[in-house]
């Protein structure tokens, strides 16, 4: 499969953007730990009872770290060059959708409707990026010409 320069650039940009987004989010959480406002924001929600505030925070951090790992693997495999299917890049985008669902749940749970609407935008853009990444992934059947 021959991949054009604009497609290579777009795939690389998608990979780097999501790698940066989740990288800064996850590494910040790991370095700084659970912020002081987390308990006051989520303390009165179901997350305080199950799975608990501390596990909720670290599950989110783990989800973001997994996204970083998927993005790093996609980058190391040079999936943006088109020599192999963008398997890990697609997995990164799929996982990002699920993380956005979790983040949106937290926003809706605390009645932060502005934050929830922003997550909808991230979700939609991620769906668009996923569609673009997967454009050339459909296996093509050989052309059979009958005479």
N, C-alpha and C. Protein backbone atom coordinates (compact mmCIF):
# COMPACT_ATOMS: atom_id res chain seq x y z
N UNK A 1 0.86 -1.17 0.00
CA UNK A 1 0.00 0.00 0.00
C UNK A 1 0.90 1.23 0.00
N UNK A 2 0.73 2.08 -0.97
CA UNK A 2 1.48 3.31 -1.07
C UNK A 2 0.73 4.40 -0.30
N UNK A 3 1.45 5.04 0.62
CA UNK A 3 0.83 6.06 1.46
C UNK A 3 1.41 7.41 1.07
N UNK A 4 0.54 8.39 0.89
CA UNK A 4 0.97 9.72 0.47
C UNK A 4 1.53 10.51 1.65
N UNK A 5 2.33 11.51 1.33
CA UNK A 5 2.91 12.36 2.36
C UNK A 5 1.85 13.02 3.24
N UNK A 6 0.77 13.57 2.66
CA UNK A 6 -0.25 14.15 3.55
C UNK A 6 -0.86 13.15 4.52
N UNK A 7 -1.07 11.91 4.07
CA UNK A 7 -1.62 10.89 4.98
C UNK A 7 -0.61 10.53 6.06
N UNK A 8 0.65 10.39 5.69
CA UNK A 8 1.69 10.12 6.69
C UNK A 8 1.71 11.24 7.73
N UNK A 9 1.68 12.46 7.27
CA UNK A 9 1.70 13.60 8.19
C UNK A 9 0.48 13.63 9.09
N UNK A 10 -0.69 13.33 8.52
CA UNK A 10 -1.92 13.33 9.33
C UNK A 10 -1.90 12.22 10.36
N UNK A 11 -1.47 11.02 9.97
CA UNK A 11 -1.41 9.91 10.93
C UNK A 11 -0.40 10.19 12.04
N UNK A 12 0.74 10.77 11.66
CA UNK A 12 1.75 11.13 12.66
C UNK A 12 1.20 12.19 13.61
N UNK A 13 0.50 13.18 13.07
CA UNK A 13 -0.06 14.24 13.90
C UNK A 13 -1.10 13.69 14.87
N UNK A 14 -1.97 12.80 14.40
CA UNK A 14 -2.97 12.18 15.28
C UNK A 14 -2.27 11.41 16.39
N UNK A 15 -1.27 10.62 16.03
CA UNK A 15 -0.54 9.83 17.01
C UNK A 15 0.11 10.74 18.06
N UNK A 16 0.81 11.77 17.61
CA UNK A 16 1.50 12.67 18.53
C UNK A 16 0.54 13.46 19.41
N UNK A 17 -0.57 13.91 18.83
CA UNK A 17 -1.54 14.69 19.60
C UNK A 17 -2.12 13.87 20.76
N UNK A 18 -2.56 12.65 20.47
CA UNK A 18 -3.14 11.83 21.52
C UNK A 18 -2.08 11.36 22.51
N UNK A 19 -0.88 11.11 22.03
CA UNK A 19 0.21 10.74 22.92
C UNK A 19 0.52 11.88 23.89
N UNK A 20 0.55 13.11 23.38
CA UNK A 20 0.80 14.27 24.25
C UNK A 20 -0.35 14.48 25.23
N UNK A 21 -1.57 14.44 24.72
CA UNK A 21 -2.73 14.70 25.58
C UNK A 21 -2.75 13.74 26.76
N UNK A 22 -2.70 12.44 26.48
CA UNK A 22 -2.76 11.46 27.56
C UNK A 22 -1.47 11.45 28.36
N UNK A 23 -0.35 11.71 27.70
CA UNK A 23 0.93 11.75 28.42
C UNK A 23 0.98 12.84 29.48
N UNK A 24 0.61 14.06 29.10
CA UNK A 24 0.60 15.15 30.08
C UNK A 24 -0.42 14.88 31.18
N UNK A 25 -1.59 14.36 30.82
CA UNK A 25 -2.62 14.09 31.83
C UNK A 25 -2.16 13.01 32.81
N UNK A 26 -1.65 11.90 32.29
CA UNK A 26 -1.26 10.78 33.15
C UNK A 26 -0.02 11.08 33.97
N UNK A 27 0.98 11.65 33.35
CA UNK A 27 2.22 11.92 34.08
C UNK A 27 1.99 12.97 35.17
N UNK A 28 1.14 13.95 34.88
CA UNK A 28 0.79 14.93 35.91
C UNK A 28 0.12 14.28 37.10
N UNK A 29 -0.78 13.33 36.84
CA UNK A 29 -1.46 12.63 37.93
C UNK A 29 -0.49 11.77 38.73
N UNK A 30 0.41 11.09 38.04
CA UNK A 30 1.38 10.23 38.73
C UNK A 30 2.31 11.08 39.60
N UNK A 31 2.79 12.19 39.05
CA UNK A 31 3.74 13.04 39.79
C UNK A 31 3.10 13.77 40.96
N UNK A 32 1.86 14.24 40.78
CA UNK A 32 1.24 15.08 41.80
C UNK A 32 0.29 14.33 42.71
N UNK A 33 -0.14 13.14 42.30
CA UNK A 33 -1.09 12.39 43.11
C UNK A 33 -2.49 12.97 43.02
N UNK A 34 -3.36 12.47 43.87
CA UNK A 34 -4.76 12.90 43.85
C UNK A 34 -4.85 14.35 44.34
N UNK A 35 -5.46 15.23 43.53
CA UNK A 35 -5.55 16.64 43.95
C UNK A 35 -6.52 16.83 45.11
N UNK A 36 -6.33 17.90 45.84
CA UNK A 36 -7.14 18.18 47.02
C UNK A 36 -8.62 18.37 46.68
N UNK A 37 -8.93 18.90 45.50
CA UNK A 37 -10.31 19.16 45.11
C UNK A 37 -11.07 17.90 44.74
N UNK A 38 -10.37 16.80 44.50
CA UNK A 38 -11.02 15.57 44.03
C UNK A 38 -12.08 15.08 45.02
N UNK A 39 -11.74 15.10 46.30
CA UNK A 39 -12.68 14.65 47.33
C UNK A 39 -13.90 15.54 47.44
N UNK A 40 -13.68 16.85 47.33
CA UNK A 40 -14.83 17.75 47.45
C UNK A 40 -15.74 17.67 46.22
N UNK A 41 -15.17 17.38 45.06
CA UNK A 41 -15.98 17.29 43.84
C UNK A 41 -16.74 15.96 43.76
N UNK A 42 -16.09 14.87 44.14
CA UNK A 42 -16.69 13.54 43.96
C UNK A 42 -17.09 12.86 45.27
N UNK A 43 -16.85 13.51 46.40
CA UNK A 43 -17.12 12.90 47.70
C UNK A 43 -18.56 12.55 47.96
N UNK A 44 -19.49 13.26 47.35
CA UNK A 44 -20.92 13.00 47.56
C UNK A 44 -21.53 12.14 46.45
N UNK A 45 -20.70 11.56 45.61
CA UNK A 45 -21.21 10.76 44.49
C UNK A 45 -21.04 9.27 44.78
N UNK A 46 -21.55 8.47 43.88
CA UNK A 46 -21.43 7.02 44.01
C UNK A 46 -19.97 6.58 43.95
N UNK A 47 -19.12 7.36 43.31
CA UNK A 47 -17.70 7.00 43.22
C UNK A 47 -17.03 6.96 44.59
N UNK A 48 -17.55 7.74 45.54
CA UNK A 48 -16.99 7.72 46.89
C UNK A 48 -17.28 6.39 47.58
N UNK A 49 -18.41 5.77 47.23
CA UNK A 49 -18.78 4.49 47.83
C UNK A 49 -18.22 3.31 47.05
N UNK A 50 -18.28 3.40 45.75
CA UNK A 50 -17.74 2.33 44.91
C UNK A 50 -17.13 2.92 43.66
N UNK A 51 -15.93 2.70 43.35
CA UNK A 51 -14.94 1.88 44.05
C UNK A 51 -14.20 2.62 45.17
N UNK A 52 -14.55 3.86 45.40
CA UNK A 52 -13.87 4.71 46.38
C UNK A 52 -13.13 5.81 45.64
N UNK A 53 -12.87 6.91 46.32
CA UNK A 53 -12.24 8.05 45.64
C UNK A 53 -10.82 7.74 45.20
N UNK A 54 -10.03 7.15 46.09
CA UNK A 54 -8.64 6.85 45.72
C UNK A 54 -8.57 5.85 44.57
N UNK A 55 -9.28 4.71 44.63
CA UNK A 55 -9.25 3.81 43.47
C UNK A 55 -9.80 4.45 42.19
N UNK A 56 -10.83 5.29 42.31
CA UNK A 56 -11.37 5.96 41.12
C UNK A 56 -10.30 6.81 40.46
N UNK A 57 -9.58 7.57 41.27
CA UNK A 57 -8.53 8.44 40.73
C UNK A 57 -7.44 7.61 40.05
N UNK A 58 -7.01 6.54 40.70
CA UNK A 58 -5.91 5.75 40.13
C UNK A 58 -6.37 4.88 38.96
N UNK A 59 -7.64 4.50 38.93
CA UNK A 59 -8.15 3.80 37.74
C UNK A 59 -8.14 4.74 36.53
N UNK A 60 -8.53 5.98 36.74
CA UNK A 60 -8.47 6.96 35.65
C UNK A 60 -7.03 7.18 35.21
N UNK A 61 -6.14 7.30 36.17
CA UNK A 61 -4.71 7.46 35.84
C UNK A 61 -4.20 6.26 35.06
N UNK A 62 -4.57 5.06 35.49
CA UNK A 62 -4.16 3.85 34.77
C UNK A 62 -4.70 3.80 33.35
N UNK A 63 -5.95 4.25 33.19
CA UNK A 63 -6.54 4.29 31.84
C UNK A 63 -5.77 5.25 30.95
N UNK A 64 -5.38 6.39 31.50
CA UNK A 64 -4.61 7.36 30.72
C UNK A 64 -3.21 6.82 30.41
N UNK A 65 -2.60 6.12 31.37
CA UNK A 65 -1.28 5.52 31.13
C UNK A 65 -1.35 4.44 30.05
N UNK A 66 -2.43 3.67 30.02
CA UNK A 66 -2.60 2.67 28.96
C UNK A 66 -2.70 3.36 27.60
N UNK A 67 -3.39 4.48 27.54
CA UNK A 67 -3.48 5.24 26.28
C UNK A 67 -2.09 5.71 25.85
N UNK A 68 -1.28 6.16 26.80
CA UNK A 68 0.09 6.58 26.49
C UNK A 68 0.88 5.40 25.93
N UNK A 69 0.75 4.24 26.56
CA UNK A 69 1.46 3.05 26.10
C UNK A 69 1.05 2.68 24.67
N UNK A 70 -0.25 2.69 24.39
CA UNK A 70 -0.73 2.37 23.04
C UNK A 70 -0.19 3.36 22.02
N UNK A 71 -0.19 4.65 22.37
CA UNK A 71 0.35 5.67 21.46
C UNK A 71 1.84 5.51 21.23
N UNK A 72 2.57 5.17 22.28
CA UNK A 72 4.02 4.98 22.16
C UNK A 72 4.33 3.77 21.27
N UNK A 73 3.60 2.70 21.45
CA UNK A 73 3.81 1.50 20.61
C UNK A 73 3.51 1.83 19.15
N UNK A 74 2.42 2.56 18.89
CA UNK A 74 2.08 2.95 17.51
C UNK A 74 3.21 3.78 16.90
N UNK A 75 3.78 4.67 17.70
CA UNK A 75 4.86 5.53 17.21
C UNK A 75 6.13 4.72 16.94
N UNK A 76 6.49 3.84 17.85
CA UNK A 76 7.69 3.01 17.70
C UNK A 76 7.57 2.05 16.51
N UNK A 77 6.34 1.59 16.24
CA UNK A 77 6.10 0.71 15.09
C UNK A 77 6.03 1.48 13.76
N UNK A 78 6.11 2.80 13.83
CA UNK A 78 6.02 3.66 12.65
C UNK A 78 4.74 3.39 11.86
N UNK A 79 3.64 3.20 12.58
CA UNK A 79 2.38 2.90 11.91
C UNK A 79 1.94 4.03 10.98
N UNK A 80 2.39 5.23 11.26
CA UNK A 80 2.01 6.38 10.43
C UNK A 80 2.60 6.28 9.02
N UNK A 81 3.62 5.46 8.82
CA UNK A 81 4.22 5.31 7.50
C UNK A 81 3.40 4.44 6.57
N UNK A 82 2.47 3.66 7.11
CA UNK A 82 1.59 2.85 6.27
C UNK A 82 2.18 1.52 5.87
N UNK A 83 3.33 1.15 6.43
CA UNK A 83 3.92 -0.15 6.09
C UNK A 83 3.19 -1.30 6.78
N UNK A 84 2.51 -0.97 7.86
CA UNK A 84 1.68 -1.96 8.55
C UNK A 84 0.36 -1.27 8.91
N UNK A 85 -0.62 -2.08 9.25
CA UNK A 85 -1.91 -1.51 9.65
C UNK A 85 -1.74 -0.68 10.92
N UNK A 86 -2.46 0.41 11.04
CA UNK A 86 -2.35 1.22 12.26
C UNK A 86 -3.13 0.60 13.42
N UNK A 87 -2.73 -0.59 13.80
CA UNK A 87 -3.44 -1.36 14.82
C UNK A 87 -3.42 -0.67 16.18
N UNK A 88 -2.24 -0.26 16.62
CA UNK A 88 -2.12 0.35 17.94
C UNK A 88 -2.65 1.77 17.95
N UNK A 89 -2.54 2.46 16.83
CA UNK A 89 -3.13 3.80 16.73
C UNK A 89 -4.66 3.70 16.82
N UNK A 90 -5.22 2.71 16.16
CA UNK A 90 -6.66 2.48 16.25
C UNK A 90 -7.06 2.08 17.67
N UNK A 91 -6.23 1.25 18.30
CA UNK A 91 -6.50 0.86 19.70
C UNK A 91 -6.42 2.08 20.62
N UNK A 92 -5.46 2.97 20.37
CA UNK A 92 -5.34 4.20 21.15
C UNK A 92 -6.61 5.03 21.03
N UNK A 93 -7.10 5.19 19.81
CA UNK A 93 -8.30 6.00 19.61
C UNK A 93 -9.53 5.34 20.22
N UNK A 94 -9.64 4.03 20.09
CA UNK A 94 -10.76 3.31 20.70
C UNK A 94 -10.71 3.44 22.21
N UNK A 95 -9.53 3.24 22.79
CA UNK A 95 -9.37 3.37 24.23
C UNK A 95 -9.68 4.80 24.68
N UNK A 96 -9.27 5.77 23.88
CA UNK A 96 -9.55 7.18 24.20
C UNK A 96 -11.05 7.42 24.28
N UNK A 97 -11.81 6.82 23.37
CA UNK A 97 -13.27 6.96 23.43
C UNK A 97 -13.81 6.45 24.77
N UNK A 98 -13.30 5.32 25.21
CA UNK A 98 -13.76 4.75 26.48
C UNK A 98 -13.35 5.62 27.67
N UNK A 99 -12.15 6.18 27.62
CA UNK A 99 -11.72 7.08 28.69
C UNK A 99 -12.60 8.33 28.70
N UNK A 100 -12.93 8.85 27.53
CA UNK A 100 -13.81 10.01 27.47
C UNK A 100 -15.19 9.70 28.04
N UNK A 101 -15.67 8.47 27.83
CA UNK A 101 -16.95 8.08 28.43
C UNK A 101 -16.84 8.14 29.96
N UNK A 102 -15.74 7.62 30.49
CA UNK A 102 -15.52 7.68 31.94
C UNK A 102 -15.43 9.10 32.45
N UNK A 103 -14.73 9.95 31.74
CA UNK A 103 -14.61 11.35 32.14
C UNK A 103 -15.97 12.05 32.06
N UNK A 104 -16.72 11.76 31.01
CA UNK A 104 -18.05 12.37 30.87
C UNK A 104 -18.97 11.90 32.00
N UNK A 105 -18.86 10.64 32.38
CA UNK A 105 -19.65 10.13 33.49
C UNK A 105 -19.40 10.96 34.75
N UNK A 106 -18.13 11.22 35.03
CA UNK A 106 -17.79 12.03 36.19
C UNK A 106 -18.34 13.44 36.10
N UNK A 107 -18.31 14.02 34.90
CA UNK A 107 -18.84 15.37 34.72
C UNK A 107 -20.35 15.40 34.92
N UNK A 108 -21.05 14.43 34.34
CA UNK A 108 -22.51 14.38 34.50
C UNK A 108 -22.88 14.09 35.95
N UNK A 109 -22.11 13.23 36.58
CA UNK A 109 -22.38 12.85 37.97
C UNK A 109 -22.33 14.05 38.90
N UNK A 110 -21.45 14.99 38.59
CA UNK A 110 -21.30 16.18 39.44
C UNK A 110 -22.03 17.39 38.87
N UNK A 111 -22.86 17.17 37.88
CA UNK A 111 -23.65 18.23 37.22
C UNK A 111 -22.78 19.32 36.62
N UNK A 112 -21.59 18.93 36.16
CA UNK A 112 -20.71 19.86 35.46
C UNK A 112 -21.02 19.74 33.97
N UNK A 113 -22.09 20.39 33.56
CA UNK A 113 -22.59 20.22 32.19
C UNK A 113 -21.68 20.89 31.16
N UNK A 114 -20.99 21.96 31.53
CA UNK A 114 -20.03 22.57 30.61
C UNK A 114 -18.87 21.62 30.34
N UNK A 115 -18.36 21.01 31.40
CA UNK A 115 -17.29 20.04 31.23
C UNK A 115 -17.73 18.84 30.42
N UNK A 116 -18.97 18.39 30.67
CA UNK A 116 -19.50 17.25 29.92
C UNK A 116 -19.63 17.57 28.44
N UNK A 117 -20.05 18.80 28.12
CA UNK A 117 -20.18 19.16 26.70
C UNK A 117 -18.81 19.22 26.03
N UNK A 118 -17.79 19.64 26.75
CA UNK A 118 -16.44 19.64 26.19
C UNK A 118 -15.97 18.21 25.90
N UNK A 119 -16.31 17.29 26.80
CA UNK A 119 -15.93 15.89 26.57
C UNK A 119 -16.64 15.34 25.33
N UNK A 120 -17.88 15.76 25.10
CA UNK A 120 -18.59 15.34 23.88
C UNK A 120 -17.82 15.79 22.64
N UNK A 121 -17.26 16.96 22.69
CA UNK A 121 -16.47 17.46 21.55
C UNK A 121 -15.22 16.61 21.37
N UNK A 122 -14.51 16.31 22.46
CA UNK A 122 -13.33 15.43 22.37
C UNK A 122 -13.72 14.08 21.79
N UNK A 123 -14.85 13.55 22.26
CA UNK A 123 -15.33 12.25 21.80
C UNK A 123 -15.59 12.29 20.29
N UNK A 124 -16.30 13.32 19.85
CA UNK A 124 -16.62 13.44 18.42
C UNK A 124 -15.39 13.58 17.55
N UNK A 125 -14.45 14.38 17.99
CA UNK A 125 -13.21 14.56 17.21
C UNK A 125 -12.42 13.25 17.18
N UNK A 126 -12.46 12.51 18.27
CA UNK A 126 -11.77 11.22 18.30
C UNK A 126 -12.42 10.24 17.33
N UNK A 127 -13.76 10.24 17.27
CA UNK A 127 -14.45 9.39 16.29
C UNK A 127 -14.05 9.76 14.86
N UNK A 128 -13.96 11.06 14.60
CA UNK A 128 -13.55 11.51 13.28
C UNK A 128 -12.13 11.05 12.97
N UNK A 129 -11.22 11.21 13.94
CA UNK A 129 -9.83 10.78 13.74
C UNK A 129 -9.77 9.28 13.51
N UNK A 130 -10.58 8.53 14.25
CA UNK A 130 -10.59 7.08 14.08
C UNK A 130 -11.06 6.70 12.68
N UNK A 131 -12.08 7.37 12.19
CA UNK A 131 -12.57 7.10 10.84
C UNK A 131 -11.47 7.38 9.82
N UNK A 132 -10.75 8.48 9.98
CA UNK A 132 -9.68 8.82 9.06
C UNK A 132 -8.57 7.77 9.11
N UNK A 133 -8.19 7.37 10.30
CA UNK A 133 -7.10 6.39 10.46
C UNK A 133 -7.48 5.07 9.81
N UNK A 134 -8.74 4.67 9.94
CA UNK A 134 -9.17 3.37 9.44
C UNK A 134 -9.56 3.37 7.97
N UNK A 135 -9.45 4.48 7.28
CA UNK A 135 -9.87 4.56 5.87
C UNK A 135 -9.26 3.48 5.00
N UNK A 136 -7.99 3.23 5.15
CA UNK A 136 -7.31 2.27 4.29
C UNK A 136 -7.13 0.91 4.94
N UNK A 137 -7.86 0.61 6.00
CA UNK A 137 -7.67 -0.66 6.69
C UNK A 137 -8.56 -1.77 6.16
N UNK A 138 -9.54 -1.46 5.34
CA UNK A 138 -10.45 -2.48 4.84
C UNK A 138 -9.72 -3.34 3.81
N UNK A 139 -9.66 -4.65 4.04
CA UNK A 139 -9.02 -5.51 3.04
C UNK A 139 -9.80 -5.46 1.74
N UNK A 140 -9.09 -5.41 0.67
CA UNK A 140 -9.72 -5.34 -0.63
C UNK A 140 -9.66 -6.71 -1.31
N UNK A 141 -10.80 -7.12 -1.84
CA UNK A 141 -10.84 -8.38 -2.57
C UNK A 141 -10.21 -8.17 -3.94
N UNK A 142 -9.59 -9.19 -4.46
CA UNK A 142 -9.00 -9.05 -5.80
C UNK A 142 -10.10 -8.77 -6.83
N UNK A 143 -9.75 -7.98 -7.79
CA UNK A 143 -10.70 -7.65 -8.85
C UNK A 143 -10.83 -8.85 -9.79
N UNK A 144 -12.04 -9.33 -9.92
CA UNK A 144 -12.30 -10.48 -10.79
C UNK A 144 -13.12 -9.99 -11.97
N UNK A 145 -12.57 -10.19 -13.13
CA UNK A 145 -13.25 -9.77 -14.34
C UNK A 145 -13.71 -11.02 -15.08
N UNK A 146 -15.01 -11.12 -15.30
CA UNK A 146 -15.54 -12.26 -16.01
C UNK A 146 -15.64 -11.93 -17.49
N UNK A 147 -15.37 -12.93 -18.30
CA UNK A 147 -15.44 -12.72 -19.74
C UNK A 147 -16.55 -13.47 -20.34
